[in-house]
C-alpha cells in the first residue's frame, strides 16, 4: 500500500475521532427540557444548634397538583427516622422543606425524595462539627456519558496508531 495513502487514512481517522469527541461534548453541554419524573437535584443542610434539616429539591413540573414530590424519607444512621407525604409541591421548579431531626456529630442522615409518577433521589449527609460541605451525591448521567465517549475515542486512536 502507498505510504502517502496510509498517512491520509490515519489523518482522516484522527479527524473523525476528534469530530465524534467534539459532537459528544456539545451534546452533553446543550441544556434540554426536563420531562423526567425523578427529582433532578437534592441538596441538604443540617444545623446542629437548631436541630433542623433543610432539604432543597429541584423537580421541574408543569402541574404541581398531578406531578409532584409525594414523599420525603429521612433515615438516621440507616434507620427510618421520619417519613412525610405530600399531595402537591409548593413550586413548579425548586423548593425547600425543613424538618426537625434530633442528631449529633457523627450521625449520618440519608434523605430520599420520591416523585408520585416514579423516580427518586437519595443523598447522604454526615454530620460534622463544622457543618461544612459534607454532602455525597452520584454524578449525573451526562458526565458518565462524556467520560465513556472520551475513553472509547482514546482507545480507537491508540489502536489505529499501533
N, C-alpha and C. Protein backbone atom coordinates (compact mmCIF):
# COMPACT_ATOMS: atom_id res chain seq x y z
N UNK A 1 0.84 -1.18 0.00
CA UNK A 1 0.00 0.00 0.00
C UNK A 1 0.88 1.24 0.00
N UNK A 2 0.41 2.26 -0.65
CA UNK A 2 1.14 3.50 -0.79
C UNK A 2 1.26 4.20 0.57
N UNK A 3 2.49 4.58 0.99
CA UNK A 3 2.66 5.24 2.29
C UNK A 3 1.90 6.56 2.37
N UNK A 4 1.78 7.26 1.27
CA UNK A 4 1.05 8.54 1.26
C UNK A 4 -0.43 8.31 1.55
N UNK A 5 -1.02 7.27 0.94
CA UNK A 5 -2.43 6.96 1.17
C UNK A 5 -2.66 6.48 2.60
N UNK A 6 -1.70 5.70 3.13
CA UNK A 6 -1.79 5.23 4.51
C UNK A 6 -1.79 6.40 5.49
N UNK A 7 -0.95 7.39 5.24
CA UNK A 7 -0.90 8.57 6.08
C UNK A 7 -2.20 9.36 5.99
N UNK A 8 -2.75 9.47 4.77
CA UNK A 8 -4.02 10.18 4.59
C UNK A 8 -5.15 9.49 5.36
N UNK A 9 -5.18 8.16 5.35
CA UNK A 9 -6.22 7.41 6.07
C UNK A 9 -6.11 7.65 7.57
N UNK A 10 -4.87 7.66 8.08
CA UNK A 10 -4.68 7.88 9.51
C UNK A 10 -5.12 9.28 9.92
N UNK A 11 -4.81 10.28 9.07
CA UNK A 11 -5.21 11.65 9.35
C UNK A 11 -6.73 11.76 9.34
N UNK A 12 -7.38 11.12 8.37
CA UNK A 12 -8.85 11.16 8.27
C UNK A 12 -9.47 10.47 9.49
N UNK A 13 -8.89 9.35 9.94
CA UNK A 13 -9.40 8.64 11.10
C UNK A 13 -9.30 9.51 12.35
N UNK A 14 -8.16 10.16 12.53
CA UNK A 14 -7.99 11.04 13.69
C UNK A 14 -8.99 12.20 13.65
N UNK A 15 -9.18 12.77 12.47
CA UNK A 15 -10.16 13.86 12.34
C UNK A 15 -11.57 13.37 12.68
N UNK A 16 -11.89 12.16 12.23
CA UNK A 16 -13.20 11.59 12.54
C UNK A 16 -13.39 11.38 14.03
N UNK A 17 -12.38 10.86 14.69
CA UNK A 17 -12.46 10.65 16.14
C UNK A 17 -12.59 11.96 16.89
N UNK A 18 -11.86 12.96 16.44
CA UNK A 18 -11.95 14.28 17.07
C UNK A 18 -13.34 14.86 16.86
N UNK A 19 -13.90 14.68 15.67
CA UNK A 19 -15.25 15.16 15.39
C UNK A 19 -16.28 14.48 16.29
N UNK A 20 -16.15 13.16 16.47
CA UNK A 20 -17.06 12.43 17.35
C UNK A 20 -16.93 12.94 18.78
N UNK A 21 -15.73 13.17 19.24
CA UNK A 21 -15.50 13.68 20.59
C UNK A 21 -16.11 15.06 20.76
N UNK A 22 -15.90 15.95 19.81
CA UNK A 22 -16.47 17.29 19.90
C UNK A 22 -17.99 17.26 19.88
N UNK A 23 -18.57 16.43 19.04
CA UNK A 23 -20.03 16.31 19.00
C UNK A 23 -20.56 15.81 20.33
N UNK A 24 -19.87 14.86 20.94
CA UNK A 24 -20.29 14.33 22.24
C UNK A 24 -20.25 15.41 23.31
N UNK A 25 -19.20 16.22 23.29
CA UNK A 25 -19.09 17.31 24.26
C UNK A 25 -20.24 18.29 24.06
N UNK A 26 -20.54 18.63 22.83
CA UNK A 26 -21.63 19.57 22.56
C UNK A 26 -22.98 19.01 22.98
N UNK A 27 -23.21 17.74 22.72
CA UNK A 27 -24.48 17.13 23.11
C UNK A 27 -24.64 17.15 24.62
N UNK A 28 -23.57 16.88 25.35
CA UNK A 28 -23.63 16.89 26.82
C UNK A 28 -23.79 18.31 27.36
N UNK A 29 -23.32 19.30 26.63
CA UNK A 29 -23.36 20.68 27.12
C UNK A 29 -24.67 21.38 26.81
N UNK A 30 -25.43 20.88 25.84
CA UNK A 30 -26.67 21.54 25.45
C UNK A 30 -27.75 21.23 26.48
N UNK A 31 -28.36 22.27 27.06
CA UNK A 31 -29.43 22.01 28.02
C UNK A 31 -30.68 21.50 27.29
N UNK A 32 -31.34 20.55 27.90
CA UNK A 32 -32.56 20.01 27.33
C UNK A 32 -33.68 20.16 28.33
N UNK A 33 -34.91 20.31 27.86
CA UNK A 33 -36.03 20.41 28.79
C UNK A 33 -36.17 19.13 29.60
N UNK A 34 -36.50 19.29 30.86
CA UNK A 34 -36.60 18.13 31.75
C UNK A 34 -38.03 17.63 31.74
N UNK A 35 -38.20 16.36 31.32
CA UNK A 35 -39.51 15.73 31.35
C UNK A 35 -39.48 14.49 32.23
N UNK A 36 -38.36 14.26 32.87
CA UNK A 36 -38.20 13.07 33.69
C UNK A 36 -39.03 13.19 34.96
N UNK A 37 -39.39 12.04 35.51
CA UNK A 37 -40.18 12.01 36.73
C UNK A 37 -39.32 12.18 37.97
N UNK A 38 -38.11 11.72 37.92
CA UNK A 38 -37.25 11.77 39.11
C UNK A 38 -36.82 13.21 39.39
N UNK A 39 -36.62 13.54 40.67
CA UNK A 39 -36.09 14.86 41.01
C UNK A 39 -34.72 15.04 40.36
N UNK A 40 -34.44 16.23 39.85
CA UNK A 40 -33.17 16.45 39.17
C UNK A 40 -32.06 16.84 40.14
N UNK A 41 -32.40 17.38 41.30
CA UNK A 41 -31.36 17.76 42.26
C UNK A 41 -31.93 17.72 43.68
N UNK A 42 -31.03 17.40 44.60
CA UNK A 42 -31.38 17.38 46.02
C UNK A 42 -30.15 17.81 46.81
N UNK A 43 -30.31 18.86 47.60
CA UNK A 43 -29.22 19.28 48.49
C UNK A 43 -29.80 19.38 49.90
N UNK A 44 -28.97 19.02 50.86
CA UNK A 44 -29.42 19.10 52.25
C UNK A 44 -28.38 19.82 53.09
N UNK A 45 -28.88 20.43 54.14
CA UNK A 45 -28.03 21.13 55.10
C UNK A 45 -28.61 20.86 56.49
N UNK A 46 -27.72 20.65 57.46
CA UNK A 46 -28.17 20.38 58.82
C UNK A 46 -27.56 21.40 59.76
N UNK A 47 -28.38 21.92 60.67
CA UNK A 47 -27.92 22.88 61.66
C UNK A 47 -27.96 22.19 63.03
N UNK A 48 -26.77 21.98 63.61
CA UNK A 48 -26.67 21.31 64.91
C UNK A 48 -27.34 22.10 66.03
N UNK A 49 -27.23 23.42 65.98
CA UNK A 49 -27.79 24.24 67.05
C UNK A 49 -29.31 24.19 67.10
N UNK A 50 -29.94 24.28 65.94
CA UNK A 50 -31.41 24.30 65.90
C UNK A 50 -32.00 22.91 65.67
N UNK A 51 -31.11 21.92 65.39
CA UNK A 51 -31.54 20.54 65.12
C UNK A 51 -32.52 20.50 63.94
N UNK A 52 -32.21 21.28 62.90
CA UNK A 52 -33.08 21.31 61.73
C UNK A 52 -32.34 20.86 60.48
N UNK A 53 -33.06 20.13 59.67
CA UNK A 53 -32.56 19.65 58.39
C UNK A 53 -33.34 20.36 57.29
N UNK A 54 -32.63 20.97 56.36
CA UNK A 54 -33.28 21.61 55.23
C UNK A 54 -32.97 20.80 53.98
N UNK A 55 -34.02 20.38 53.28
CA UNK A 55 -33.88 19.64 52.02
C UNK A 55 -34.37 20.53 50.89
N UNK A 56 -33.47 20.91 49.99
CA UNK A 56 -33.84 21.71 48.83
C UNK A 56 -33.94 20.77 47.64
N UNK A 57 -35.13 20.73 47.05
CA UNK A 57 -35.44 19.77 46.00
C UNK A 57 -35.70 20.53 44.70
N UNK A 58 -35.08 20.07 43.62
CA UNK A 58 -35.37 20.60 42.29
C UNK A 58 -36.09 19.50 41.52
N UNK A 59 -37.33 19.79 41.15
CA UNK A 59 -38.18 18.83 40.44
C UNK A 59 -39.10 19.62 39.50
N UNK A 60 -38.58 19.98 38.30
CA UNK A 60 -39.36 20.78 37.37
C UNK A 60 -40.58 20.02 36.85
N UNK A 61 -41.76 20.62 37.01
CA UNK A 61 -43.01 20.03 36.55
C UNK A 61 -43.89 21.12 35.96
N UNK A 62 -44.85 20.71 35.15
CA UNK A 62 -45.78 21.70 34.58
C UNK A 62 -47.04 21.83 35.43
N UNK A 63 -47.38 20.78 36.19
CA UNK A 63 -48.58 20.81 37.03
C UNK A 63 -48.22 20.27 38.41
N UNK A 64 -48.18 21.13 39.42
CA UNK A 64 -47.76 20.73 40.77
C UNK A 64 -48.82 19.93 41.52
N UNK A 65 -50.01 19.78 40.94
CA UNK A 65 -51.08 19.01 41.59
C UNK A 65 -51.05 17.55 41.16
N UNK A 66 -50.68 17.29 39.89
CA UNK A 66 -50.68 15.91 39.39
C UNK A 66 -49.28 15.30 39.30
N UNK A 67 -48.25 16.11 39.33
CA UNK A 67 -46.87 15.64 39.21
C UNK A 67 -46.06 16.36 40.28
N UNK A 68 -45.67 15.65 41.32
CA UNK A 68 -45.05 16.32 42.47
C UNK A 68 -44.22 15.33 43.29
N UNK A 69 -43.44 15.87 44.20
CA UNK A 69 -42.71 15.07 45.18
C UNK A 69 -43.72 14.70 46.26
N UNK A 70 -44.03 13.40 46.35
CA UNK A 70 -45.07 12.98 47.28
C UNK A 70 -44.52 12.46 48.61
N UNK A 71 -43.22 12.12 48.63
CA UNK A 71 -42.69 11.55 49.88
C UNK A 71 -41.25 11.97 50.10
N UNK A 72 -40.95 12.33 51.35
CA UNK A 72 -39.58 12.59 51.78
C UNK A 72 -39.32 11.67 52.96
N UNK A 73 -38.32 10.81 52.81
CA UNK A 73 -37.98 9.87 53.88
C UNK A 73 -36.60 10.21 54.41
N UNK A 74 -36.49 10.32 55.71
CA UNK A 74 -35.22 10.62 56.38
C UNK A 74 -34.82 9.42 57.21
N UNK A 75 -33.60 8.93 56.97
CA UNK A 75 -33.04 7.85 57.80
C UNK A 75 -31.88 8.43 58.60
N UNK A 76 -31.82 8.06 59.86
CA UNK A 76 -30.71 8.47 60.72
C UNK A 76 -29.94 7.21 61.07
N UNK A 77 -28.68 7.18 60.66
CA UNK A 77 -27.81 6.01 60.88
C UNK A 77 -28.43 4.72 60.34
N UNK A 78 -29.08 4.83 59.17
CA UNK A 78 -29.63 3.66 58.50
C UNK A 78 -31.03 3.25 58.93
N UNK A 79 -31.60 3.91 59.94
CA UNK A 79 -32.93 3.57 60.44
C UNK A 79 -33.90 4.70 60.08
N UNK A 80 -35.09 4.32 59.58
CA UNK A 80 -36.07 5.33 59.21
C UNK A 80 -36.41 6.19 60.43
N UNK A 81 -36.21 7.49 60.29
CA UNK A 81 -36.45 8.45 61.36
C UNK A 81 -37.76 9.18 61.15
N UNK A 82 -38.04 9.55 59.90
CA UNK A 82 -39.24 10.32 59.59
C UNK A 82 -39.62 10.10 58.13
N UNK A 83 -40.91 9.92 57.88
CA UNK A 83 -41.44 9.87 56.53
C UNK A 83 -42.60 10.84 56.45
N UNK A 84 -42.50 11.78 55.51
CA UNK A 84 -43.55 12.78 55.32
C UNK A 84 -44.09 12.64 53.91
N UNK A 85 -45.42 12.62 53.78
CA UNK A 85 -46.04 12.55 52.46
C UNK A 85 -46.74 13.86 52.14
N UNK A 86 -46.82 14.16 50.85
CA UNK A 86 -47.40 15.40 50.37
C UNK A 86 -48.40 15.09 49.25
N UNK A 87 -49.32 16.04 49.00
CA UNK A 87 -50.31 15.88 47.94
C UNK A 87 -50.08 16.86 46.79
N UNK A 88 -49.02 17.67 46.88
CA UNK A 88 -48.62 18.59 45.80
C UNK A 88 -47.24 19.11 46.18
N UNK A 89 -46.63 19.87 45.27
CA UNK A 89 -45.36 20.51 45.64
C UNK A 89 -45.55 22.02 45.56
N UNK A 90 -44.88 22.77 46.46
CA UNK A 90 -45.15 24.20 46.59
C UNK A 90 -44.69 25.07 45.43
N UNK A 91 -43.80 24.57 44.59
CA UNK A 91 -43.27 25.38 43.48
C UNK A 91 -43.05 24.46 42.29
N UNK A 92 -43.26 24.92 41.06
CA UNK A 92 -43.09 24.04 39.90
C UNK A 92 -41.64 23.76 39.54
N UNK A 93 -40.68 24.32 40.27
CA UNK A 93 -39.29 24.06 39.95
C UNK A 93 -38.48 23.61 41.16
N UNK A 94 -38.25 24.50 42.11
CA UNK A 94 -37.39 24.19 43.25
C UNK A 94 -38.01 24.72 44.54
N UNK A 95 -37.83 23.97 45.62
CA UNK A 95 -38.42 24.34 46.90
C UNK A 95 -37.64 23.70 48.02
N UNK A 96 -37.85 24.19 49.25
CA UNK A 96 -37.14 23.69 50.42
C UNK A 96 -38.13 23.28 51.50
N UNK A 97 -37.92 22.08 52.05
CA UNK A 97 -38.68 21.61 53.20
C UNK A 97 -37.74 21.59 54.40
N UNK A 98 -38.28 21.91 55.58
CA UNK A 98 -37.48 21.91 56.80
C UNK A 98 -38.06 20.89 57.78
N UNK A 99 -37.19 20.10 58.40
CA UNK A 99 -37.60 19.05 59.34
C UNK A 99 -36.79 19.16 60.61
N UNK A 100 -37.42 18.84 61.73
CA UNK A 100 -36.70 18.75 63.00
C UNK A 100 -36.13 17.33 63.10
N UNK A 101 -34.81 17.25 63.23
CA UNK A 101 -34.14 15.95 63.35
C UNK A 101 -33.16 16.04 64.51
N UNK A 102 -33.39 15.23 65.52
CA UNK A 102 -32.51 15.20 66.69
C UNK A 102 -31.29 14.35 66.35
N UNK A 103 -30.16 15.01 66.06
CA UNK A 103 -28.96 14.29 65.66
C UNK A 103 -27.74 14.95 66.31
N UNK A 104 -26.64 14.19 66.33
CA UNK A 104 -25.40 14.69 66.91
C UNK A 104 -24.25 14.46 65.94
N UNK A 105 -23.10 15.04 66.27
CA UNK A 105 -21.91 14.88 65.45
C UNK A 105 -21.60 13.39 65.27
N UNK A 106 -21.33 13.03 64.02
CA UNK A 106 -21.03 11.64 63.71
C UNK A 106 -22.21 10.87 63.15
N UNK A 107 -23.42 11.38 63.36
CA UNK A 107 -24.60 10.72 62.78
C UNK A 107 -24.60 10.90 61.27
N UNK A 108 -25.25 9.96 60.59
CA UNK A 108 -25.41 10.03 59.14
C UNK A 108 -26.89 10.11 58.82
N UNK A 109 -27.24 11.06 57.97
CA UNK A 109 -28.63 11.22 57.54
C UNK A 109 -28.72 10.87 56.05
N UNK A 110 -29.67 10.01 55.71
CA UNK A 110 -29.97 9.69 54.32
C UNK A 110 -31.35 10.25 54.03
N UNK A 111 -31.43 11.09 53.00
CA UNK A 111 -32.71 11.69 52.63
C UNK A 111 -33.06 11.19 51.23
N UNK A 112 -34.28 10.63 51.11
CA UNK A 112 -34.77 10.16 49.82
C UNK A 112 -36.05 10.90 49.50
N UNK A 113 -36.09 11.51 48.30
CA UNK A 113 -37.30 12.19 47.84
C UNK A 113 -37.84 11.41 46.65
N UNK A 114 -39.16 11.21 46.64
CA UNK A 114 -39.79 10.36 45.61
C UNK A 114 -40.90 11.12 44.89
N UNK A 115 -40.96 10.93 43.57
CA UNK A 115 -41.98 11.55 42.73
C UNK A 115 -43.21 10.65 42.67
N UNK A 116 -44.39 11.24 42.59
CA UNK A 116 -45.64 10.49 42.52
C UNK A 116 -45.72 9.68 41.22
N UNK A 117 -45.03 10.11 40.17
CA UNK A 117 -45.06 9.42 38.89
C UNK A 117 -43.88 8.46 38.71
N UNK A 118 -43.10 8.29 39.73
CA UNK A 118 -41.96 7.37 39.68
C UNK A 118 -40.64 8.11 39.72
N UNK A 119 -39.64 7.45 40.19
CA UNK A 119 -38.32 8.04 40.29
C UNK A 119 -38.07 8.65 41.66
N UNK A 120 -36.82 8.57 42.09
CA UNK A 120 -36.45 9.14 43.38
C UNK A 120 -34.98 9.55 43.35
N UNK A 121 -34.59 10.27 44.36
CA UNK A 121 -33.19 10.69 44.50
C UNK A 121 -32.83 10.62 45.98
N UNK A 122 -31.64 10.11 46.26
CA UNK A 122 -31.17 9.97 47.64
C UNK A 122 -29.83 10.68 47.79
N UNK A 123 -29.66 11.32 48.93
CA UNK A 123 -28.38 11.94 49.25
C UNK A 123 -28.05 11.59 50.71
N UNK A 124 -26.77 11.45 50.97
CA UNK A 124 -26.32 11.12 52.33
C UNK A 124 -25.56 12.31 52.89
N UNK A 125 -25.75 12.56 54.17
CA UNK A 125 -25.12 13.70 54.83
C UNK A 125 -24.56 13.22 56.16
N UNK A 126 -23.25 13.37 56.35
CA UNK A 126 -22.61 13.02 57.62
C UNK A 126 -22.46 14.29 58.44
N UNK A 127 -23.01 14.29 59.62
CA UNK A 127 -23.00 15.49 60.45
C UNK A 127 -21.61 15.69 61.05
N UNK A 128 -21.05 16.84 60.75
CA UNK A 128 -19.71 17.19 61.24
C UNK A 128 -19.85 18.36 62.21
N UNK A 129 -18.82 18.59 62.99
CA UNK A 129 -18.86 19.68 63.97
C UNK A 129 -18.87 21.05 63.31
N UNK A 130 -18.26 21.16 62.12
CA UNK A 130 -18.17 22.47 61.47
C UNK A 130 -19.34 22.73 60.54
N UNK A 131 -20.27 21.79 60.41
CA UNK A 131 -21.39 21.92 59.47
C UNK A 131 -20.91 22.28 58.08
N UNK A 132 -19.72 21.79 57.70
CA UNK A 132 -19.16 22.08 56.39
C UNK A 132 -19.89 21.33 55.30
N UNK A 133 -19.38 21.47 54.11
CA UNK A 133 -20.00 20.84 52.95
C UNK A 133 -19.56 19.38 52.91
N UNK A 134 -20.39 18.51 53.48
CA UNK A 134 -20.04 17.09 53.52
C UNK A 134 -21.11 16.24 52.84
N UNK A 135 -21.73 16.78 51.80
CA UNK A 135 -22.75 16.05 51.06
C UNK A 135 -22.09 15.07 50.10
N UNK A 136 -22.75 13.96 49.86
CA UNK A 136 -22.30 12.99 48.88
C UNK A 136 -23.43 12.79 47.89
N UNK A 137 -23.10 12.76 46.61
CA UNK A 137 -24.12 12.56 45.60
C UNK A 137 -23.52 11.83 44.42
N UNK A 138 -24.36 11.22 43.64
CA UNK A 138 -23.93 10.50 42.46
C UNK A 138 -23.80 11.47 41.30
N UNK A 139 -22.71 11.36 40.49
CA UNK A 139 -22.58 12.25 39.35
C UNK A 139 -23.70 12.01 38.34
N UNK A 140 -23.98 13.03 37.53
CA UNK A 140 -25.05 12.94 36.55
C UNK A 140 -24.73 12.02 35.40
N UNK A 141 -25.76 11.59 34.72
CA UNK A 141 -25.62 10.70 33.57
C UNK A 141 -24.78 11.35 32.48
N UNK A 142 -24.91 12.67 32.27
CA UNK A 142 -24.17 13.34 31.21
C UNK A 142 -22.66 13.21 31.43
N UNK A 143 -22.22 13.32 32.67
CA UNK A 143 -20.79 13.21 32.96
C UNK A 143 -20.30 11.79 32.68
N UNK A 144 -21.07 10.80 33.06
CA UNK A 144 -20.69 9.40 32.81
C UNK A 144 -20.64 9.15 31.31
N UNK A 145 -21.61 9.67 30.56
CA UNK A 145 -21.63 9.52 29.11
C UNK A 145 -20.40 10.17 28.49
N UNK A 146 -20.06 11.37 28.93
CA UNK A 146 -18.91 12.08 28.39
C UNK A 146 -17.62 11.31 28.64
N UNK A 147 -17.42 10.83 29.85
CA UNK A 147 -16.20 10.08 30.18
C UNK A 147 -16.13 8.81 29.34
N UNK A 148 -17.26 8.14 29.14
CA UNK A 148 -17.29 6.94 28.31
C UNK A 148 -16.87 7.23 26.88
N UNK A 149 -17.37 8.32 26.31
CA UNK A 149 -17.01 8.68 24.94
C UNK A 149 -15.53 9.01 24.84
N UNK A 150 -14.99 9.71 25.82
CA UNK A 150 -13.56 10.03 25.81
C UNK A 150 -12.72 8.75 25.85
N UNK A 151 -13.09 7.82 26.70
CA UNK A 151 -12.33 6.55 26.81
C UNK A 151 -12.39 5.78 25.49
N UNK A 152 -13.57 5.70 24.89
CA UNK A 152 -13.70 4.98 23.62
C UNK A 152 -12.89 5.66 22.52
N UNK A 153 -12.92 6.98 22.46
CA UNK A 153 -12.17 7.71 21.44
C UNK A 153 -10.67 7.50 21.60
N UNK A 154 -10.18 7.59 22.82
CA UNK A 154 -8.75 7.38 23.06
C UNK A 154 -8.34 5.95 22.70
N UNK A 155 -9.19 4.99 23.04
CA UNK A 155 -8.90 3.58 22.71
C UNK A 155 -8.82 3.39 21.20
N UNK A 156 -9.74 3.98 20.45
CA UNK A 156 -9.73 3.85 18.99
C UNK A 156 -8.47 4.49 18.42
N UNK A 157 -8.11 5.67 18.90
CA UNK A 157 -6.91 6.34 18.41
C UNK A 157 -5.65 5.52 18.68
N UNK A 158 -5.56 4.92 19.84
CA UNK A 158 -4.37 4.12 20.17
C UNK A 158 -4.28 2.87 19.32
N UNK A 159 -5.40 2.21 19.06
CA UNK A 159 -5.40 1.01 18.23
C UNK A 159 -5.01 1.32 16.79
N UNK A 160 -5.47 2.43 16.27
CA UNK A 160 -5.16 2.80 14.88
C UNK A 160 -3.71 3.22 14.72
N UNK A 161 -3.10 3.77 15.76
CA UNK A 161 -1.70 4.19 15.69
C UNK A 161 -0.74 3.00 15.81
N UNK A 162 -1.22 1.93 16.43
CA UNK A 162 -0.33 0.78 16.65
C UNK A 162 -0.07 -0.01 15.39
